[in-house]
Amino acid sequence: MSLLGRLMTRHGAPPHPAFEDYLRAKQVRFSLHHHEPAYTAQELAHVEHVPGRMVAKVVIVIADERSVMLCLPAPCRLNMLRLMNVLGTDNIRLAHEEEFAATFPDCEVGAMPPFGNVYGLQVWVDRTLAEGERIVFQAGTHTDTVEMDYLDFARLARPIMADLCSPPS
């Protein structure tokens, strides 16, 4: 099932042909951009001409043998000690792409949108990403991006907020 199909089914509405329709059905104001390929969150910030702190970098970790989605601002360095503390375990590691690719069959590997809840993953967001009014993220490809209000994203993705990044040096 496509990302849109999962989103629409999860929220009780009939499937529509595009991610855009889902956002419109939820009365979310957004913009969809098509751009040259961007493979990192910092590259995405560059091609979209937005500050890195607005761009959601999606990181998948394995915590106690389960996958967890983290949404961090592009320039953030994940602080594993903080993550261990908030998740209450020291059994955490970064997932390898081949471990999570099948979880997102309708997305290019590494271009998952931060809606892990649609795929059965718990979503955690770094507090600094939530400080901004807008959020930018990949829309399932390395060439398509969505920009929307952070509060709309939070309403749909239902992330858990925590301090996940290392302090700037």
N, C-alpha and C. Protein backbone atom coordinates (compact mmCIF):
# COMPACT_ATOMS: atom_id res chain seq x y z
N MET A 1 0.85 -1.18 0.00
CA MET A 1 0.00 0.00 0.00
C MET A 1 0.89 1.24 0.00
N SER A 2 0.49 2.25 -0.71
CA SER A 2 1.28 3.47 -0.79
C SER A 2 1.25 4.25 0.52
N LEU A 3 2.17 5.20 0.65
CA LEU A 3 2.21 6.06 1.83
C LEU A 3 0.86 6.74 2.00
N LEU A 4 0.33 7.29 0.93
CA LEU A 4 -0.96 7.96 1.02
C LEU A 4 -2.04 7.00 1.47
N GLY A 5 -2.06 5.81 0.89
CA GLY A 5 -3.05 4.82 1.28
C GLY A 5 -2.95 4.49 2.76
N ARG A 6 -1.73 4.33 3.25
CA ARG A 6 -1.54 4.06 4.68
C ARG A 6 -2.04 5.23 5.52
N LEU A 7 -1.68 6.45 5.11
CA LEU A 7 -2.10 7.63 5.85
C LEU A 7 -3.61 7.76 5.87
N MET A 8 -4.23 7.58 4.71
CA MET A 8 -5.67 7.75 4.63
C MET A 8 -6.40 6.64 5.39
N THR A 9 -5.94 5.41 5.27
CA THR A 9 -6.56 4.30 5.97
C THR A 9 -6.41 4.47 7.48
N ARG A 10 -5.24 4.86 7.91
CA ARG A 10 -4.98 5.03 9.34
C ARG A 10 -5.91 6.09 9.93
N HIS A 11 -6.26 7.08 9.15
CA HIS A 11 -7.07 8.18 9.66
C HIS A 11 -8.52 8.09 9.21
N GLY A 12 -8.91 6.94 8.64
CA GLY A 12 -10.31 6.67 8.40
C GLY A 12 -10.92 7.26 7.14
N ALA A 13 -10.13 7.84 6.26
CA ALA A 13 -10.67 8.41 5.03
C ALA A 13 -10.30 7.49 3.87
N PRO A 14 -11.06 7.55 2.79
CA PRO A 14 -10.73 6.70 1.65
C PRO A 14 -9.43 7.15 0.99
N PRO A 15 -8.70 6.22 0.37
CA PRO A 15 -7.44 6.58 -0.27
C PRO A 15 -7.65 7.56 -1.43
N HIS A 16 -6.68 8.44 -1.63
CA HIS A 16 -6.64 9.37 -2.74
C HIS A 16 -5.35 9.13 -3.50
N PRO A 17 -5.24 9.64 -4.72
CA PRO A 17 -4.09 9.29 -5.54
C PRO A 17 -2.76 9.94 -5.16
N ALA A 18 -2.71 10.90 -4.25
CA ALA A 18 -1.44 11.57 -3.96
C ALA A 18 -1.35 12.01 -2.51
N PHE A 19 -0.11 12.13 -2.04
CA PHE A 19 0.16 12.62 -0.69
C PHE A 19 -0.47 13.99 -0.49
N GLU A 20 -0.48 14.78 -1.54
CA GLU A 20 -1.09 16.11 -1.49
C GLU A 20 -2.57 16.03 -1.10
N ASP A 21 -3.28 15.05 -1.65
CA ASP A 21 -4.70 14.90 -1.34
C ASP A 21 -4.90 14.59 0.14
N TYR A 22 -4.02 13.78 0.69
CA TYR A 22 -4.11 13.46 2.12
C TYR A 22 -3.98 14.73 2.96
N LEU A 23 -2.98 15.53 2.65
CA LEU A 23 -2.77 16.76 3.42
C LEU A 23 -3.96 17.71 3.25
N ARG A 24 -4.48 17.79 2.03
CA ARG A 24 -5.65 18.65 1.81
C ARG A 24 -6.87 18.13 2.59
N ALA A 25 -7.05 16.81 2.60
CA ALA A 25 -8.18 16.22 3.33
C ALA A 25 -8.08 16.52 4.82
N LYS A 26 -6.88 16.64 5.31
CA LYS A 26 -6.67 16.96 6.72
C LYS A 26 -6.64 18.47 6.95
N GLN A 27 -6.96 19.22 5.89
CA GLN A 27 -6.99 20.69 5.93
C GLN A 27 -5.66 21.28 6.37
N VAL A 28 -4.61 20.70 5.81
CA VAL A 28 -3.25 21.15 6.09
C VAL A 28 -2.79 22.03 4.94
N ARG A 29 -2.29 23.20 5.28
CA ARG A 29 -1.69 24.07 4.27
C ARG A 29 -0.24 23.65 4.13
N PHE A 30 0.21 23.47 2.89
CA PHE A 30 1.55 22.96 2.64
C PHE A 30 1.99 23.40 1.25
N SER A 31 3.26 23.24 1.00
CA SER A 31 3.75 23.40 -0.37
C SER A 31 4.60 22.18 -0.70
N LEU A 32 4.47 21.73 -1.93
CA LEU A 32 5.22 20.59 -2.43
C LEU A 32 6.22 21.12 -3.44
N HIS A 33 7.49 20.77 -3.27
CA HIS A 33 8.54 21.26 -4.17
C HIS A 33 9.22 20.09 -4.84
N HIS A 34 9.55 20.28 -6.09
CA HIS A 34 10.36 19.31 -6.83
C HIS A 34 11.71 19.98 -7.08
N HIS A 35 12.79 19.28 -6.85
CA HIS A 35 14.12 19.88 -6.91
C HIS A 35 15.14 18.84 -7.38
N GLU A 36 16.36 19.30 -7.55
CA GLU A 36 17.44 18.37 -7.90
C GLU A 36 17.63 17.39 -6.75
N PRO A 37 18.18 16.21 -7.01
CA PRO A 37 18.33 15.21 -5.94
C PRO A 37 19.14 15.74 -4.75
N ALA A 38 18.64 15.44 -3.56
CA ALA A 38 19.32 15.79 -2.31
C ALA A 38 19.30 14.54 -1.44
N TYR A 39 20.49 14.08 -1.04
CA TYR A 39 20.61 12.82 -0.32
C TYR A 39 20.86 12.98 1.18
N THR A 40 21.14 14.19 1.62
CA THR A 40 21.29 14.44 3.05
C THR A 40 20.37 15.61 3.41
N ALA A 41 20.09 15.73 4.69
CA ALA A 41 19.23 16.82 5.14
C ALA A 41 19.88 18.18 4.90
N GLN A 42 21.18 18.25 5.06
CA GLN A 42 21.88 19.52 4.81
C GLN A 42 21.82 19.87 3.32
N GLU A 43 21.95 18.87 2.44
CA GLU A 43 21.80 19.12 1.00
C GLU A 43 20.39 19.60 0.69
N LEU A 44 19.41 19.00 1.36
CA LEU A 44 18.02 19.40 1.15
C LEU A 44 17.81 20.86 1.56
N ALA A 45 18.38 21.25 2.70
CA ALA A 45 18.28 22.64 3.13
C ALA A 45 18.89 23.56 2.07
N HIS A 46 20.02 23.14 1.50
CA HIS A 46 20.69 23.95 0.49
C HIS A 46 19.83 24.10 -0.77
N VAL A 47 19.32 22.99 -1.31
CA VAL A 47 18.55 23.08 -2.55
C VAL A 47 17.20 23.76 -2.34
N GLU A 48 16.67 23.71 -1.13
CA GLU A 48 15.40 24.37 -0.83
C GLU A 48 15.57 25.81 -0.35
N HIS A 49 16.84 26.20 -0.12
CA HIS A 49 17.15 27.57 0.33
C HIS A 49 16.44 27.90 1.65
N VAL A 50 16.52 26.95 2.59
CA VAL A 50 15.94 27.16 3.93
C VAL A 50 17.02 26.84 4.97
N PRO A 51 16.89 27.40 6.17
CA PRO A 51 17.85 27.07 7.23
C PRO A 51 17.77 25.58 7.59
N GLY A 52 18.90 24.99 7.87
CA GLY A 52 18.94 23.57 8.24
C GLY A 52 18.09 23.24 9.44
N ARG A 53 17.89 24.19 10.34
CA ARG A 53 17.10 23.92 11.54
C ARG A 53 15.63 23.66 11.22
N MET A 54 15.18 24.01 9.98
CA MET A 54 13.80 23.76 9.55
C MET A 54 13.62 22.38 8.93
N VAL A 55 14.73 21.75 8.52
CA VAL A 55 14.66 20.51 7.76
C VAL A 55 14.71 19.31 8.71
N ALA A 56 13.74 18.44 8.58
CA ALA A 56 13.68 17.23 9.41
C ALA A 56 14.56 16.14 8.80
N LYS A 57 15.57 15.76 9.55
CA LYS A 57 16.43 14.63 9.18
C LYS A 57 15.83 13.41 9.86
N VAL A 58 15.47 12.41 9.08
CA VAL A 58 14.88 11.19 9.62
C VAL A 58 15.99 10.17 9.85
N VAL A 59 16.06 9.69 11.09
CA VAL A 59 17.06 8.68 11.47
C VAL A 59 16.30 7.51 12.07
N ILE A 60 16.66 6.30 11.65
CA ILE A 60 16.05 5.10 12.21
C ILE A 60 17.08 4.43 13.11
N VAL A 61 16.65 4.13 14.34
CA VAL A 61 17.50 3.41 15.28
C VAL A 61 16.81 2.11 15.67
N ILE A 62 17.61 1.18 16.12
CA ILE A 62 17.10 -0.07 16.68
C ILE A 62 17.31 0.03 18.18
N ALA A 63 16.21 0.01 18.93
CA ALA A 63 16.26 0.09 20.39
C ALA A 63 15.56 -1.15 20.94
N ASP A 64 16.31 -1.97 21.65
CA ASP A 64 15.75 -3.21 22.19
C ASP A 64 15.05 -4.02 21.10
N GLU A 65 15.71 -4.14 19.96
CA GLU A 65 15.25 -4.96 18.83
C GLU A 65 14.01 -4.42 18.12
N ARG A 66 13.65 -3.17 18.34
CA ARG A 66 12.53 -2.57 17.62
C ARG A 66 13.02 -1.29 16.94
N SER A 67 12.43 -1.00 15.79
CA SER A 67 12.80 0.21 15.06
C SER A 67 12.06 1.41 15.63
N VAL A 68 12.77 2.53 15.72
CA VAL A 68 12.22 3.79 16.20
C VAL A 68 12.65 4.88 15.22
N MET A 69 11.72 5.78 14.88
CA MET A 69 12.03 6.89 13.98
C MET A 69 12.34 8.13 14.81
N LEU A 70 13.46 8.77 14.47
CA LEU A 70 13.84 10.03 15.09
C LEU A 70 13.76 11.12 14.03
N CYS A 71 13.28 12.30 14.41
CA CYS A 71 13.23 13.45 13.52
C CYS A 71 14.06 14.55 14.16
N LEU A 72 15.14 14.90 13.50
CA LEU A 72 16.11 15.84 14.04
C LEU A 72 16.31 16.99 13.05
N PRO A 73 16.67 18.17 13.53
CA PRO A 73 17.01 19.23 12.58
C PRO A 73 18.26 18.83 11.80
N ALA A 74 18.35 19.24 10.56
CA ALA A 74 19.45 18.83 9.67
C ALA A 74 20.84 18.97 10.30
N PRO A 75 21.18 20.08 10.96
CA PRO A 75 22.54 20.21 11.48
C PRO A 75 22.78 19.43 12.79
N CYS A 76 21.77 18.79 13.32
CA CYS A 76 21.87 18.12 14.62
C CYS A 76 22.78 16.88 14.56
N ARG A 77 23.53 16.69 15.62
CA ARG A 77 24.27 15.44 15.83
C ARG A 77 23.53 14.69 16.93
N LEU A 78 23.06 13.49 16.62
CA LEU A 78 22.33 12.69 17.58
C LEU A 78 23.22 12.39 18.79
N ASN A 79 22.70 12.62 19.97
CA ASN A 79 23.40 12.32 21.21
C ASN A 79 22.87 10.98 21.71
N MET A 80 23.66 9.92 21.52
CA MET A 80 23.22 8.58 21.88
C MET A 80 22.98 8.44 23.38
N LEU A 81 23.74 9.15 24.21
CA LEU A 81 23.51 9.07 25.66
C LEU A 81 22.14 9.65 26.03
N ARG A 82 21.79 10.77 25.42
CA ARG A 82 20.47 11.34 25.66
C ARG A 82 19.38 10.40 25.17
N LEU A 83 19.59 9.81 23.99
CA LEU A 83 18.61 8.89 23.44
C LEU A 83 18.43 7.68 24.35
N MET A 84 19.53 7.12 24.84
CA MET A 84 19.44 5.99 25.76
C MET A 84 18.64 6.37 27.00
N ASN A 85 18.87 7.58 27.49
CA ASN A 85 18.16 8.04 28.68
C ASN A 85 16.66 8.17 28.43
N VAL A 86 16.27 8.82 27.32
CA VAL A 86 14.84 9.02 27.07
C VAL A 86 14.12 7.72 26.72
N LEU A 87 14.82 6.80 26.06
CA LEU A 87 14.19 5.52 25.73
C LEU A 87 14.32 4.49 26.86
N GLY A 88 15.15 4.80 27.85
CA GLY A 88 15.29 3.91 29.00
C GLY A 88 16.00 2.61 28.69
N THR A 89 16.96 2.65 27.77
CA THR A 89 17.71 1.45 27.43
C THR A 89 19.10 1.82 26.94
N ASP A 90 20.05 0.92 27.12
CA ASP A 90 21.38 1.14 26.55
C ASP A 90 21.60 0.22 25.35
N ASN A 91 20.55 -0.44 24.93
CA ASN A 91 20.61 -1.34 23.78
C ASN A 91 20.08 -0.61 22.54
N ILE A 92 20.89 0.35 22.05
CA ILE A 92 20.49 1.18 20.91
C ILE A 92 21.63 1.25 19.91
N ARG A 93 21.25 1.22 18.63
CA ARG A 93 22.23 1.42 17.57
C ARG A 93 21.52 2.01 16.36
N LEU A 94 22.29 2.65 15.51
CA LEU A 94 21.75 3.15 14.25
C LEU A 94 21.39 1.96 13.36
N ALA A 95 20.25 2.05 12.70
CA ALA A 95 19.83 0.98 11.79
C ALA A 95 20.57 1.12 10.47
N HIS A 96 20.81 0.00 9.83
CA HIS A 96 21.38 -0.02 8.47
C HIS A 96 20.23 0.09 7.48
N GLU A 97 20.48 0.71 6.35
CA GLU A 97 19.41 0.92 5.37
C GLU A 97 18.69 -0.37 5.00
N GLU A 98 19.43 -1.46 4.85
CA GLU A 98 18.78 -2.72 4.47
C GLU A 98 17.85 -3.25 5.56
N GLU A 99 18.01 -2.77 6.78
CA GLU A 99 17.14 -3.20 7.88
C GLU A 99 15.79 -2.50 7.86
N PHE A 100 15.71 -1.31 7.29
CA PHE A 100 14.44 -0.59 7.30
C PHE A 100 13.84 -0.33 5.92
N ALA A 101 14.55 -0.65 4.87
CA ALA A 101 14.04 -0.36 3.52
C ALA A 101 12.67 -1.00 3.29
N ALA A 102 12.47 -2.22 3.73
CA ALA A 102 11.20 -2.91 3.51
C ALA A 102 10.06 -2.29 4.30
N THR A 103 10.37 -1.57 5.36
CA THR A 103 9.33 -0.91 6.16
C THR A 103 8.69 0.24 5.38
N PHE A 104 9.44 0.80 4.43
CA PHE A 104 8.98 1.94 3.63
C PHE A 104 8.99 1.58 2.16
N PRO A 105 8.19 0.60 1.73
CA PRO A 105 8.27 0.10 0.35
C PRO A 105 7.91 1.12 -0.71
N ASP A 106 7.18 2.16 -0.33
CA ASP A 106 6.75 3.16 -1.30
C ASP A 106 7.64 4.40 -1.29
N CYS A 107 8.79 4.30 -0.62
CA CYS A 107 9.73 5.42 -0.53
C CYS A 107 11.11 4.99 -1.03
N GLU A 108 11.83 5.95 -1.57
CA GLU A 108 13.23 5.69 -1.88
C GLU A 108 13.96 5.53 -0.56
N VAL A 109 14.93 4.62 -0.53
CA VAL A 109 15.68 4.38 0.71
C VAL A 109 16.35 5.68 1.14
N GLY A 110 16.12 6.04 2.39
CA GLY A 110 16.69 7.27 2.94
C GLY A 110 15.88 8.52 2.68
N ALA A 111 14.71 8.40 2.04
CA ALA A 111 13.89 9.57 1.75
C ALA A 111 12.51 9.48 2.41
N MET A 112 12.44 8.77 3.52
CA MET A 112 11.17 8.58 4.19
C MET A 112 10.69 9.89 4.81
N PRO A 113 9.39 10.19 4.69
CA PRO A 113 8.86 11.35 5.40
C PRO A 113 8.78 11.02 6.89
N PRO A 114 8.70 12.02 7.74
CA PRO A 114 8.74 11.77 9.18
C PRO A 114 7.41 11.31 9.78
N PHE A 115 6.65 10.53 9.02
CA PHE A 115 5.38 9.98 9.49
C PHE A 115 5.54 8.50 9.81
N GLY A 116 6.48 8.19 10.70
CA GLY A 116 6.73 6.80 11.09
C GLY A 116 5.51 6.13 11.67
N ASN A 117 4.63 6.91 12.30
CA ASN A 117 3.43 6.34 12.89
C ASN A 117 2.58 5.60 11.85
N VAL A 118 2.63 6.04 10.59
CA VAL A 118 1.88 5.40 9.52
C VAL A 118 2.45 4.01 9.23
N TYR A 119 3.73 3.83 9.49
CA TYR A 119 4.40 2.56 9.22
C TYR A 119 4.56 1.71 10.48
N GLY A 120 3.90 2.10 11.53
CA GLY A 120 3.97 1.32 12.76
C GLY A 120 5.19 1.62 13.62
N LEU A 121 5.86 2.75 13.37
CA LEU A 121 7.03 3.12 14.16
C LEU A 121 6.70 4.26 15.11
N GLN A 122 7.24 4.17 16.29
CA GLN A 122 7.15 5.27 17.23
C GLN A 122 8.01 6.42 16.69
N VAL A 123 7.50 7.64 16.78
CA VAL A 123 8.21 8.82 16.25
C VAL A 123 8.61 9.71 17.42
N TRP A 124 9.90 10.05 17.46
CA TRP A 124 10.44 10.99 18.44
C TRP A 124 10.96 12.19 17.66
N VAL A 125 10.76 13.38 18.18
CA VAL A 125 11.24 14.59 17.52
C VAL A 125 12.08 15.38 18.51
N ASP A 126 13.18 15.94 18.01
CA ASP A 126 14.01 16.78 18.87
C ASP A 126 13.30 18.10 19.12
N ARG A 127 13.38 18.54 20.35
CA ARG A 127 12.70 19.76 20.79
C ARG A 127 13.04 20.97 19.92
N THR A 128 14.30 21.06 19.44
CA THR A 128 14.68 22.24 18.64
C THR A 128 13.97 22.28 17.29
N LEU A 129 13.62 21.13 16.73
CA LEU A 129 12.86 21.12 15.48
C LEU A 129 11.46 21.67 15.72
N ALA A 130 10.93 21.38 16.91
CA ALA A 130 9.58 21.84 17.25
C ALA A 130 9.53 23.33 17.56
N GLU A 131 10.67 23.96 17.74
CA GLU A 131 10.69 25.40 18.05
C GLU A 131 10.35 26.26 16.84
N GLY A 132 10.54 25.72 15.66
CA GLY A 132 10.25 26.48 14.44
C GLY A 132 8.77 26.41 14.09
N GLU A 133 8.33 27.40 13.33
CA GLU A 133 6.93 27.42 12.89
C GLU A 133 6.70 26.48 11.73
N ARG A 134 7.73 26.27 10.89
CA ARG A 134 7.59 25.45 9.68
C ARG A 134 8.56 24.29 9.73
N ILE A 135 8.24 23.24 8.99
CA ILE A 135 9.09 22.07 8.88
C ILE A 135 9.15 21.67 7.41
N VAL A 136 10.33 21.23 6.98
CA VAL A 136 10.56 20.79 5.61
C VAL A 136 11.07 19.36 5.69
N PHE A 137 10.56 18.49 4.82
CA PHE A 137 11.01 17.09 4.85
C PHE A 137 10.83 16.44 3.48
N GLN A 138 11.55 15.35 3.28
CA GLN A 138 11.45 14.61 2.03
C GLN A 138 10.10 13.92 1.98
N ALA A 139 9.53 13.89 0.79
CA ALA A 139 8.19 13.33 0.59
C ALA A 139 8.26 11.96 -0.07
N GLY A 140 9.22 11.14 0.36
CA GLY A 140 9.33 9.78 -0.17
C GLY A 140 10.32 9.61 -1.30
N THR A 141 10.83 10.73 -1.81
CA THR A 141 11.85 10.67 -2.86
C THR A 141 12.96 11.66 -2.51
N HIS A 142 14.06 11.55 -3.22
CA HIS A 142 15.17 12.48 -3.02
C HIS A 142 14.98 13.76 -3.83
N THR A 143 13.85 13.87 -4.55
CA THR A 143 13.60 15.04 -5.38
C THR A 143 12.29 15.76 -5.07
N ASP A 144 11.57 15.29 -4.06
CA ASP A 144 10.30 15.92 -3.68
C ASP A 144 10.30 16.25 -2.20
N THR A 145 9.84 17.45 -1.88
CA THR A 145 9.88 17.96 -0.52
C THR A 145 8.54 18.60 -0.17
N VAL A 146 8.14 18.42 1.09
CA VAL A 146 6.96 19.08 1.62
C VAL A 146 7.41 20.11 2.64
N GLU A 147 6.76 21.27 2.62
CA GLU A 147 6.95 22.28 3.67
C GLU A 147 5.57 22.55 4.25
N MET A 148 5.48 22.52 5.59
CA MET A 148 4.21 22.74 6.25
C MET A 148 4.43 23.29 7.65
N ASP A 149 3.36 23.72 8.30
CA ASP A 149 3.45 24.19 9.69
C ASP A 149 3.84 23.02 10.58
N TYR A 150 4.74 23.30 11.52
CA TYR A 150 5.15 22.25 12.46
C TYR A 150 3.95 21.71 13.24
N LEU A 151 3.04 22.59 13.65
CA LEU A 151 1.89 22.15 14.45
C LEU A 151 1.00 21.18 13.67
N ASP A 152 0.86 21.36 12.37
CA ASP A 152 0.11 20.41 11.55
C ASP A 152 0.84 19.07 11.48
N PHE A 153 2.16 19.13 11.28
CA PHE A 153 2.94 17.90 11.29
C PHE A 153 2.74 17.15 12.61
N ALA A 154 2.85 17.86 13.73
CA ALA A 154 2.72 17.23 15.05
C ALA A 154 1.33 16.63 15.24
N ARG A 155 0.32 17.30 14.74
CA ARG A 155 -1.05 16.78 14.86
C ARG A 155 -1.20 15.46 14.11
N LEU A 156 -0.58 15.36 12.93
CA LEU A 156 -0.72 14.15 12.12
C LEU A 156 0.24 13.03 12.53
N ALA A 157 1.48 13.36 12.84
CA ALA A 157 2.49 12.34 13.15
C ALA A 157 2.50 11.94 14.62
N ARG A 158 1.97 12.78 15.49
CA ARG A 158 1.91 12.51 16.93
C ARG A 158 3.27 12.08 17.51
N PRO A 159 4.32 12.89 17.28
CA PRO A 159 5.65 12.52 17.79
C PRO A 159 5.77 12.78 19.30
N ILE A 160 6.72 12.09 19.89
CA ILE A 160 7.10 12.33 21.29
C ILE A 160 8.28 13.28 21.26
N MET A 161 8.22 14.35 22.04
CA MET A 161 9.26 15.36 22.04
C MET A 161 10.31 15.06 23.11
N ALA A 162 11.58 15.27 22.75
CA ALA A 162 12.68 15.05 23.69
C ALA A 162 13.90 15.85 23.22
N ASP A 163 14.89 15.96 24.08
CA ASP A 163 16.18 16.56 23.72
C ASP A 163 17.07 15.43 23.21
N LEU A 164 17.29 15.37 21.91
CA LEU A 164 18.03 14.27 21.30
C LEU A 164 19.37 14.68 20.70
N CYS A 165 19.59 15.98 20.53
CA CYS A 165 20.78 16.46 19.87
C CYS A 165 21.86 16.84 20.87
N SER A 166 23.11 16.72 20.43
CA SER A 166 24.23 17.21 21.23
C SER A 166 24.22 18.72 21.18
N PRO A 167 24.62 19.38 22.27
CA PRO A 167 24.70 20.84 22.23
C PRO A 167 25.70 21.28 21.17
N PRO A 168 25.46 22.43 20.52
CA PRO A 168 26.42 22.92 19.52
C PRO A 168 27.78 23.15 20.17
N SER A 169 28.81 22.87 19.40
CA SER A 169 30.17 23.05 19.96
C SER A 169 30.75 24.38 19.60
